Amino acid sequence: MSNPLSKIRNVFPWFLSIFVSFLGFISGHALALDINDLLKSNDIELVAWIGDQKDPINTLRNNESVLVSGGQYSVNEQVILTIEVATPRWLTRGTRIGSVEIPNVIAKQRNLLATNYTVRKGGQTWSRQRWEVTLYPLTSGTFVVPSVAVQVQVSAPDGTNVAGTLYTPPMEFQTSLPSGRLSDDTPWFSATSVDVTQGWQQSSETLKVGDALIRTIEIEAKDSLSILLPDLLKNESTKQYQAYTQPHILDDTQERGDYRSTRIEETVYVIQQGGEFSLPDYQFQWWNSETQELELVTVKGNAFVAKHTLTSFVHAYAGFFIVMISFLVILLFVVIWARKYYQSRPAPSWFIFQRLMKSKDWPNLRRFIYQELRRVTTRVELTPFGTGVQWQKDSESIQQGEQELPIFKRVWTVINRKRRTLFILNIPKALPDLEGVHNKDKG
């Protein structure tokens, strides 16, 4: 039969090892470091600032509680919020920063990857990780950047990994309009440089009705945001063309601290009528935050000529054709009526005179002048009819048998003017002569 004491002796070492391990586990958790301990022991550092790091007033550490000004900027100007994590050891997991939300400010983290580098500090090599968030204030005023949560995991001196969340202190900055020629309602943006390119593309070398013309405008700005760049091409159709605006292409990139934004606009114009047509100029203004000047950019339009098709030609000049056809119909009706009318009546005197002038029938032309003189004035001599030196010369020339068309034309004009004067004087009165009736009533 086995000895119970020997069994206890055999089991005791096993229980002792478990107990020691348990005590080590408890003591390890009791003495474990958290992120704040590493912060106090200067094994991790969180720094945040607005604008240029060279300005010491903009550098804030996580243990500060005072709200420090981040400087003065213009509306729409790019303001960079920098968050930097540093440790003399190493980061064992990717760092994550929280979102930044500020009323009337567009916040955008263009680069989802941090910039990693090392520096020597106090004889130690520090690993640093830098994050940048670009801010674009849309109005004038004072803006407060709230505390931003930064999730980190770093190796502790005891070899363990310590994870936790650090918070940047709140920071503020001010904005105002950079020029008196600008307002919050004026479309403009801020940048350090702007490049504009324009392209034209035709569906055929020689444009005609039904062809398409493509206009592309690309705006590239440095230190701005694509959604702030101007919307130029409009869906404006005319009788000459139908405009179809394509979806805009917006792109924001960042490379080694170089922030660039691009806006590409494209419109397709389908030609509706032949002839010459023009596409308009476009203008926009932007504030150069580098030179502190307001600049105006003009994107030039262009003029084109499109050929008609038979259908488009008829459609374009339909109104003109209707008027001309109507005029010709009326003219034909007048000619037919006049021809029938003067079949039983003498031709008009002006018609006879023009026909004689054209044929240069001098005897009949001279005879017709005397006939008209007698019919209008009952006179038979030209000389006493008119006055003036020119009339005397012309009448003598006709009597002497001169054969010059201008002479006959001047004499005819004087006789014809006399006819119109007599016609006006002989128009009957529209109302009866009431004066005699009035006199009778008096009597």
Protein backbone atom coordinates (compact mmCIF):
# COMPACT_ATOMS: atom_id res chain seq x y z
CA MET A 1 0.00 0.00 0.00
CA SER A 2 1.44 3.37 -1.05
CA ASN A 3 2.45 5.96 1.49
CA PRO A 4 0.19 9.12 1.49
CA LEU A 5 3.09 11.24 2.59
CA SER A 6 5.09 10.23 -0.44
CA LYS A 7 2.20 11.30 -2.71
CA ILE A 8 2.11 14.72 -1.09
CA ARG A 9 5.86 15.05 -1.56
CA ASN A 10 5.50 14.25 -5.23
CA VAL A 11 2.65 16.75 -5.85
CA PHE A 12 4.07 19.61 -3.75
CA PRO A 13 6.65 20.85 -6.30
CA TRP A 14 3.97 21.03 -8.96
CA PHE A 15 1.66 23.14 -6.75
CA LEU A 16 4.59 25.34 -5.77
CA SER A 17 5.48 26.11 -9.40
CA ILE A 18 1.84 27.01 -10.17
CA PHE A 19 1.70 29.27 -7.12
CA VAL A 20 4.91 31.07 -8.06
CA SER A 21 3.66 31.57 -11.61
CA PHE A 22 0.39 32.94 -10.29
CA LEU A 23 2.21 35.40 -8.03
CA GLY A 24 4.35 36.51 -10.99
CA PHE A 25 1.28 37.02 -13.12
CA ILE A 26 -0.41 39.11 -10.42
CA SER A 27 2.72 41.17 -9.75
CA GLY A 28 3.28 41.65 -13.46
CA HIS A 29 -0.19 43.11 -13.95
CA ALA A 30 0.13 45.20 -10.85
CA LEU A 31 3.42 46.68 -12.08
CA ALA A 32 2.53 46.89 -15.84
CA LEU A 33 3.15 50.27 -17.53
CA ASP A 34 0.39 52.20 -19.29
CA ILE A 35 0.72 54.91 -21.97
CA ASN A 36 0.65 57.71 -19.39
CA ASP A 37 3.55 56.13 -17.51
CA LEU A 38 5.59 56.13 -20.71
CA LEU A 39 4.55 59.71 -21.27
CA LYS A 40 5.80 60.75 -17.84
CA SER A 41 9.05 58.82 -18.24
CA ASN A 42 9.68 60.56 -21.57
CA ASP A 43 9.48 57.30 -23.48
CA ILE A 44 6.85 58.73 -25.83
CA GLU A 45 6.03 62.24 -26.97
CA LEU A 46 3.04 63.77 -28.79
CA VAL A 47 3.48 67.19 -30.40
CA ALA A 48 0.96 69.17 -32.48
CA TRP A 49 1.09 72.59 -34.12
CA ILE A 50 -0.59 74.76 -36.73
CA GLY A 51 1.36 76.35 -39.53
CA ASP A 52 5.13 76.60 -39.52
CA GLN A 53 6.97 74.54 -36.90
CA LYS A 54 9.77 77.10 -36.84
CA ASP A 55 7.50 79.45 -34.93
CA PRO A 56 7.86 78.30 -31.27
CA ILE A 57 4.51 79.75 -30.21
CA ASN A 58 2.79 77.22 -32.47
CA THR A 59 4.38 74.14 -30.87
CA LEU A 60 2.12 72.49 -28.29
CA ARG A 61 2.79 69.43 -26.18
CA ASN A 62 0.17 67.03 -24.92
CA ASN A 63 0.62 67.99 -21.28
CA GLU A 64 -0.31 71.64 -21.93
CA SER A 65 -3.84 72.74 -21.17
CA VAL A 66 -3.60 76.38 -22.37
CA LEU A 67 -5.25 77.28 -25.67
CA VAL A 68 -2.50 78.83 -27.79
CA SER A 69 -3.07 80.87 -30.93
CA GLY A 70 -2.03 79.26 -34.19
CA GLY A 71 -1.63 82.50 -36.14
CA GLN A 72 -3.51 84.60 -38.70
CA TYR A 73 -4.56 83.35 -42.14
CA SER A 74 -6.82 84.38 -45.00
CA VAL A 75 -10.15 82.83 -45.88
CA ASN A 76 -9.77 79.77 -48.17
CA GLU A 77 -6.05 79.61 -47.43
CA GLN A 78 -4.54 76.20 -46.77
CA VAL A 79 -3.72 75.78 -43.06
CA ILE A 80 -1.70 72.70 -42.10
CA LEU A 81 -2.32 70.92 -38.81
CA THR A 82 0.69 68.73 -37.95
CA ILE A 83 0.58 65.88 -35.41
CA GLU A 84 3.82 64.12 -34.54
CA VAL A 85 4.44 61.04 -32.39
CA ALA A 86 8.00 60.31 -31.18
CA THR A 87 9.70 57.65 -29.03
CA PRO A 88 13.30 56.71 -28.22
CA ARG A 89 12.24 53.07 -28.63
CA TRP A 90 9.98 51.97 -31.48
CA LEU A 91 6.34 51.94 -32.47
CA THR A 92 5.06 48.39 -32.63
CA ARG A 93 1.78 49.06 -34.41
CA GLY A 94 0.41 51.56 -36.88
CA THR A 95 -0.67 54.87 -35.40
CA ARG A 96 -4.22 56.08 -35.97
CA ILE A 97 -5.39 59.67 -35.64
CA GLY A 98 -9.00 60.70 -35.15
CA SER A 99 -11.01 62.82 -37.52
CA VAL A 100 -10.98 66.63 -37.35
CA GLU A 101 -14.34 68.35 -37.56
CA ILE A 102 -14.63 72.14 -37.37
CA PRO A 103 -17.70 74.17 -38.46
CA ASN A 104 -17.12 76.16 -41.70
CA VAL A 105 -13.77 74.44 -42.20
CA ILE A 106 -12.96 71.69 -44.70
CA ALA A 107 -10.50 69.24 -43.11
CA LYS A 108 -8.79 66.71 -45.38
CA GLN A 109 -6.08 64.15 -44.68
CA ARG A 110 -4.61 63.73 -48.14
CA ASN A 111 -1.90 61.25 -47.25
CA LEU A 112 -3.14 58.21 -45.32
CA LEU A 113 0.45 57.18 -44.56
CA ALA A 114 2.66 58.99 -42.07
CA THR A 115 6.10 60.38 -42.75
CA ASN A 116 8.69 58.40 -40.74
CA TYR A 117 12.13 59.67 -39.86
CA THR A 118 14.69 59.64 -37.00
CA VAL A 119 16.49 62.37 -35.06
CA ARG A 120 19.21 62.45 -32.41
CA LYS A 121 18.06 63.89 -29.11
CA GLY A 122 20.00 63.76 -25.82
CA GLY A 123 22.35 61.13 -27.18
CA GLN A 124 19.42 58.90 -28.18
CA THR A 125 17.90 58.11 -31.54
CA TRP A 126 14.22 58.99 -31.61
CA SER A 127 11.81 57.50 -34.09
CA ARG A 128 9.29 60.10 -35.24
CA GLN A 129 6.03 59.74 -37.15
CA ARG A 130 4.42 62.83 -38.68
CA TRP A 131 0.80 63.26 -39.79
CA GLU A 132 -0.59 66.28 -41.65
CA VAL A 133 -4.19 67.43 -41.97
CA THR A 134 -4.97 70.32 -44.33
CA LEU A 135 -7.61 72.81 -43.16
CA TYR A 136 -9.49 75.22 -45.43
CA PRO A 137 -11.50 77.89 -43.55
CA LEU A 138 -14.47 79.09 -45.60
CA THR A 139 -15.40 82.23 -43.64
CA SER A 140 -13.79 84.92 -41.54
CA GLY A 141 -13.49 84.46 -37.79
CA THR A 142 -11.75 82.47 -35.06
CA PHE A 143 -11.61 78.70 -35.35
CA VAL A 144 -10.74 76.19 -32.62
CA VAL A 145 -9.16 72.88 -33.55
CA PRO A 146 -10.47 70.41 -30.94
CA SER A 147 -8.36 67.76 -29.25
CA VAL A 148 -7.53 64.97 -31.67
CA ALA A 149 -7.31 61.37 -30.42
CA VAL A 150 -4.12 59.53 -31.39
CA GLN A 151 -4.01 55.75 -30.89
CA VAL A 152 -0.46 54.42 -30.47
CA GLN A 153 1.36 51.28 -29.40
CA VAL A 154 4.97 51.45 -28.31
CA SER A 155 7.51 49.05 -26.81
CA ALA A 156 8.15 49.57 -23.07
CA PRO A 157 11.55 49.29 -21.34
CA ASP A 158 10.47 45.95 -19.83
CA GLY A 159 9.98 44.51 -23.33
CA THR A 160 6.19 44.61 -23.36
CA ASN A 161 3.99 46.48 -25.82
CA VAL A 162 1.96 49.34 -24.38
CA ALA A 163 -1.07 50.65 -26.28
CA GLY A 164 -3.17 53.66 -25.49
CA THR A 165 -4.77 56.90 -26.70
CA LEU A 166 -3.16 60.31 -26.47
CA TYR A 167 -4.89 63.64 -27.15
CA THR A 168 -3.57 66.79 -28.71
CA PRO A 169 -4.42 70.05 -26.94
CA PRO A 170 -7.02 72.36 -28.55
CA MET A 171 -5.58 75.05 -30.81
CA GLU A 172 -7.07 78.15 -32.41
CA PHE A 173 -6.36 80.34 -35.42
CA GLN A 174 -7.95 83.42 -37.00
CA THR A 175 -8.97 84.14 -40.60
CA SER A 176 -10.02 87.25 -42.49
CA LEU A 177 -10.62 88.36 -46.08
CA PRO A 178 -7.25 89.17 -47.67
CA SER A 179 -8.55 91.97 -49.93
CA GLY A 180 -11.28 94.59 -49.87
CA ARG A 181 -12.27 93.53 -53.39
CA LEU A 182 -13.37 90.14 -52.06
CA SER A 183 -16.36 89.08 -50.03
CA ASP A 184 -17.76 85.87 -48.61
CA ASP A 185 -20.21 85.80 -51.56
CA THR A 186 -17.53 86.32 -54.22
CA PRO A 187 -16.34 83.10 -55.94
CA TRP A 188 -12.57 82.86 -55.44
CA PHE A 189 -9.97 80.60 -53.89
CA SER A 190 -6.51 80.82 -52.37
CA ALA A 191 -3.35 79.12 -53.64
CA THR A 192 0.36 79.69 -54.13
CA SER A 193 0.36 79.01 -57.89
CA VAL A 194 -2.25 78.28 -60.58
CA ASP A 195 -1.88 76.76 -64.06
CA VAL A 196 -4.72 76.63 -66.60
CA THR A 197 -4.73 74.59 -69.81
CA GLN A 198 -7.47 74.35 -72.43
CA GLY A 199 -8.02 71.85 -75.23
CA TRP A 200 -10.36 71.58 -78.24
CA GLN A 201 -11.32 68.40 -80.06
CA GLN A 202 -13.50 68.14 -83.19
CA SER A 203 -15.33 65.06 -84.41
CA SER A 204 -14.29 65.96 -87.97
CA GLU A 205 -11.76 68.29 -89.51
CA THR A 206 -14.47 70.30 -91.26
CA LEU A 207 -17.40 70.91 -88.96
CA LYS A 208 -20.94 70.55 -90.17
CA VAL A 209 -24.35 70.38 -88.55
CA GLY A 210 -24.59 67.31 -86.32
CA ASP A 211 -20.86 67.17 -85.54
CA ALA A 212 -19.53 67.40 -81.98
CA LEU A 213 -16.98 69.78 -80.51
CA ILE A 214 -15.32 69.01 -77.15
CA ARG A 215 -13.93 71.75 -74.90
CA THR A 216 -11.70 70.75 -71.95
CA ILE A 217 -10.42 73.09 -69.24
CA GLU A 218 -7.95 71.91 -66.61
CA ILE A 219 -7.10 74.02 -63.55
CA GLU A 220 -4.15 72.95 -61.40
CA ALA A 221 -3.51 74.80 -58.14
CA LYS A 222 -0.82 74.42 -55.52
CA ASP A 223 -1.79 74.52 -51.82
CA SER A 224 -5.52 74.50 -52.47
CA LEU A 225 -8.40 71.99 -52.67
CA SER A 226 -10.11 70.74 -55.82
CA ILE A 227 -13.65 71.41 -54.59
CA LEU A 228 -12.68 75.06 -54.02
CA LEU A 229 -11.54 75.55 -57.63
CA PRO A 230 -14.07 77.41 -59.84
CA ASP A 231 -16.79 75.67 -61.82
CA LEU A 232 -16.42 77.32 -65.24
CA LEU A 233 -18.18 75.36 -67.99
CA LYS A 234 -21.94 75.71 -67.82
CA ASN A 235 -24.65 73.71 -69.54
CA GLU A 236 -25.64 76.70 -71.70
CA SER A 237 -27.23 75.73 -75.00
CA THR A 238 -28.05 78.13 -77.85
CA LYS A 239 -29.69 77.91 -81.27
CA GLN A 240 -26.27 77.16 -82.77
CA TYR A 241 -25.32 74.28 -80.45
CA GLN A 242 -26.54 71.97 -77.69
CA ALA A 243 -24.19 71.74 -74.69
CA TYR A 244 -23.69 68.58 -72.63
CA THR A 245 -21.49 68.99 -69.54
CA GLN A 246 -19.54 65.89 -68.53
CA PRO A 247 -18.86 64.90 -64.86
CA HIS A 248 -15.98 66.88 -63.41
CA ILE A 249 -12.75 65.13 -62.45
CA LEU A 250 -11.37 66.25 -59.08
CA ASP A 251 -8.01 65.15 -57.75
CA ASP A 252 -6.01 66.09 -54.64
CA THR A 253 -2.48 64.78 -54.18
CA GLN A 254 0.38 65.22 -51.74
CA GLU A 255 3.99 64.32 -52.30
CA ARG A 256 6.77 65.31 -49.90
CA GLY A 257 4.83 68.26 -48.58
CA ASP A 258 3.79 69.43 -52.07
CA TYR A 259 -0.01 69.75 -52.14
CA ARG A 260 -1.59 69.91 -55.58
CA SER A 261 -5.24 70.00 -56.63
CA THR A 262 -6.65 69.49 -60.11
CA ARG A 263 -10.09 70.16 -61.57
CA ILE A 264 -10.86 68.96 -65.11
CA GLU A 265 -14.07 70.08 -66.82
CA GLU A 266 -15.34 68.94 -70.19
CA THR A 267 -18.35 69.95 -72.29
CA VAL A 268 -19.54 68.42 -75.55
CA TYR A 269 -21.19 70.83 -78.01
CA VAL A 270 -23.40 69.27 -80.68
CA ILE A 271 -23.82 71.70 -83.58
CA GLN A 272 -27.45 72.45 -84.42
CA GLN A 273 -27.13 75.15 -87.12
CA GLY A 274 -24.64 76.02 -89.80
CA GLY A 275 -22.68 79.24 -89.99
CA GLU A 276 -20.31 80.94 -87.57
CA PHE A 277 -20.69 80.55 -83.82
CA SER A 278 -18.54 81.44 -80.81
CA LEU A 279 -17.92 79.79 -77.46
CA PRO A 280 -17.54 82.32 -74.62
CA ASP A 281 -14.60 83.41 -72.49
CA TYR A 282 -14.53 82.51 -68.79
CA GLN A 283 -12.87 84.38 -65.93
CA PHE A 284 -12.04 83.61 -62.32
CA GLN A 285 -9.98 85.28 -59.60
CA TRP A 286 -7.71 83.78 -56.97
CA TRP A 287 -5.67 85.05 -54.06
CA ASN A 288 -1.94 84.39 -54.28
CA SER A 289 -1.03 83.71 -50.65
CA GLU A 290 2.65 83.75 -51.55
CA THR A 291 2.76 87.20 -53.20
CA GLN A 292 -0.28 88.53 -51.29
CA GLU A 293 -1.95 89.67 -54.53
CA LEU A 294 -5.36 89.13 -56.14
CA GLU A 295 -4.98 87.71 -59.64
CA LEU A 296 -7.49 87.42 -62.51
CA VAL A 297 -7.36 84.56 -65.03
CA THR A 298 -9.18 84.63 -68.39
CA VAL A 299 -9.83 81.42 -70.29
CA LYS A 300 -10.29 82.46 -73.91
CA GLY A 301 -13.16 81.19 -76.02
CA ASN A 302 -13.02 80.42 -79.73
CA ALA A 303 -14.96 80.94 -82.95
CA PHE A 304 -15.94 78.13 -85.34
CA VAL A 305 -17.69 77.75 -88.69
CA ALA A 306 -20.00 74.84 -89.46
CA LYS A 307 -21.39 73.88 -92.84
CA HIS A 308 -25.10 73.46 -93.44
CA THR A 309 -26.81 70.27 -94.46
CA LEU A 310 -29.87 70.57 -96.72
CA THR A 311 -32.22 69.98 -93.81
CA SER A 312 -30.44 72.44 -91.49
CA PHE A 313 -30.27 75.06 -94.25
CA VAL A 314 -34.03 74.90 -94.83
CA HIS A 315 -34.67 74.90 -91.09
CA ALA A 316 -32.35 77.86 -90.46
CA TYR A 317 -33.82 80.05 -93.23
CA ALA A 318 -37.43 78.87 -93.08
CA GLY A 319 -38.66 82.29 -91.98
CA PHE A 320 -36.77 84.04 -94.79
CA PHE A 321 -38.14 81.60 -97.36
CA ILE A 322 -41.70 82.14 -96.14
CA VAL A 323 -41.35 85.93 -96.41
CA MET A 324 -39.79 85.75 -99.88
CA ILE A 325 -42.40 83.33 -101.21
CA SER A 326 -45.18 85.49 -99.79
CA PHE A 327 -43.64 88.58 -101.38
CA LEU A 328 -43.32 86.87 -104.77
CA VAL A 329 -46.92 85.66 -104.63
CA ILE A 330 -48.16 89.15 -103.81
CA LEU A 331 -45.96 90.65 -106.52
CA LEU A 332 -47.26 88.16 -109.08
CA PHE A 333 -50.82 88.95 -108.07
CA VAL A 334 -50.17 92.70 -108.46
CA VAL A 335 -48.58 92.19 -111.89
CA ILE A 336 -51.54 90.09 -113.11
CA TRP A 337 -54.02 92.59 -111.72
CA ALA A 338 -52.19 95.56 -113.25
CA ARG A 339 -51.97 93.86 -116.59
CA LYS A 340 -55.69 93.18 -116.67
CA TYR A 341 -56.49 96.65 -115.35
CA TYR A 342 -54.49 98.50 -117.99
CA GLN A 343 -55.75 96.35 -120.87
CA SER A 344 -58.81 98.65 -121.06
CA ARG A 345 -57.15 101.79 -119.68
CA PRO A 346 -54.19 103.91 -120.67
CA ALA A 347 -50.88 103.05 -119.12
CA PRO A 348 -49.60 105.28 -116.29
CA SER A 349 -47.70 108.33 -117.43
CA TRP A 350 -44.58 107.36 -115.42
CA PHE A 351 -44.56 103.97 -117.15
CA ILE A 352 -44.81 105.52 -120.63
CA PHE A 353 -42.08 108.06 -119.78
CA GLN A 354 -39.69 105.33 -118.54
CA ARG A 355 -40.33 103.21 -121.61
CA LEU A 356 -39.61 106.14 -123.95
CA MET A 357 -36.49 107.03 -121.97
CA LYS A 358 -35.26 103.47 -122.23
CA SER A 359 -35.85 103.26 -125.97
CA LYS A 360 -34.51 106.81 -126.55
CA ASP A 361 -37.40 107.57 -128.82
CA TRP A 362 -36.63 111.30 -128.92
CA PRO A 363 -39.56 112.53 -131.09
CA ASN A 364 -42.19 110.67 -129.08
CA LEU A 365 -40.44 111.59 -125.83
CA ARG A 366 -40.58 115.28 -126.74
CA ARG A 367 -44.21 114.94 -127.81
CA PHE A 368 -45.07 113.15 -124.53
CA ILE A 369 -43.51 115.99 -122.47
CA TYR A 370 -45.71 118.58 -124.23
CA GLN A 371 -48.81 116.38 -123.82
CA GLU A 372 -48.22 116.04 -120.09
CA LEU A 373 -47.59 119.79 -119.78
CA ARG A 374 -50.88 120.56 -121.45
CA ARG A 375 -52.77 117.93 -119.46
CA VAL A 376 -51.43 119.21 -116.13
CA THR A 377 -51.40 122.98 -116.71
CA THR A 378 -53.31 123.54 -119.99
CA ARG A 379 -50.15 125.28 -121.24
CA VAL A 380 -48.47 124.52 -124.52
CA GLU A 381 -45.11 126.19 -123.91
CA LEU A 382 -42.39 125.01 -121.57
CA THR A 383 -40.54 128.26 -120.92
CA PRO A 384 -43.31 130.20 -119.09
CA PHE A 385 -44.19 127.14 -116.99
CA GLY A 386 -41.19 127.17 -114.67
CA THR A 387 -38.76 129.58 -113.14
CA GLY A 388 -35.07 129.43 -112.49
CA VAL A 389 -31.99 129.37 -114.64
CA GLN A 390 -31.87 125.56 -114.90
CA TRP A 391 -35.47 125.32 -116.08
CA GLN A 392 -34.92 127.97 -118.75
CA LYS A 393 -31.87 126.13 -120.06
CA ASP A 394 -33.63 122.72 -120.06
CA SER A 395 -36.78 123.98 -121.77
CA GLU A 396 -34.76 125.76 -124.48
CA SER A 397 -32.68 122.60 -124.99
CA ILE A 398 -35.79 120.49 -125.58
CA GLN A 399 -37.23 123.09 -127.98
CA GLN A 400 -33.94 123.10 -129.90
CA GLY A 401 -34.02 119.32 -130.26
CA GLU A 402 -31.36 118.33 -127.70
CA GLN A 403 -31.20 114.57 -127.13
CA GLU A 404 -29.89 114.10 -123.60
CA LEU A 405 -31.72 111.94 -121.09
CA PRO A 406 -30.84 114.07 -117.99
CA ILE A 407 -32.55 117.09 -119.58
CA PHE A 408 -35.79 115.20 -120.19
CA LYS A 409 -35.61 113.68 -116.71
CA ARG A 410 -35.31 117.10 -115.01
CA VAL A 411 -38.19 118.56 -117.02
CA TRP A 412 -40.35 115.54 -116.27
CA THR A 413 -39.59 115.81 -112.58
CA VAL A 414 -40.78 119.44 -112.45
CA ILE A 415 -44.00 118.62 -114.34
CA ASN A 416 -44.66 115.58 -112.19
CA ARG A 417 -44.12 117.59 -108.99
CA LYS A 418 -46.69 120.11 -110.25
CA ARG A 419 -49.15 117.28 -110.86
CA ARG A 420 -48.81 116.04 -107.25
CA THR A 421 -49.29 119.57 -105.91
CA LEU A 422 -52.48 120.07 -107.88
CA PHE A 423 -53.76 116.66 -106.80
CA ILE A 424 -53.33 117.53 -103.12
CA LEU A 425 -54.99 120.92 -103.54
CA ASN A 426 -58.00 119.35 -105.30
CA ILE A 427 -58.69 116.71 -102.60
CA PRO A 428 -62.34 117.18 -101.44
CA LYS A 429 -62.87 118.16 -97.85
CA ALA A 430 -63.82 115.34 -95.53
CA LEU A 431 -66.42 117.51 -93.75
CA PRO A 432 -68.94 119.88 -95.29
CA ASP A 433 -68.32 123.59 -95.18
CA LEU A 434 -69.85 124.39 -91.84
CA GLU A 435 -68.90 128.04 -92.01
CA GLY A 436 -71.73 128.90 -94.41
CA VAL A 437 -74.22 126.98 -92.29
CA HIS A 438 -73.03 128.84 -89.24
CA ASN A 439 -73.50 132.18 -90.99
CA LYS A 440 -77.01 131.20 -92.02
CA ASP A 441 -77.91 130.37 -88.45
CA LYS A 442 -76.69 133.81 -87.40
CA GLY A 443 -78.91 135.45 -89.97
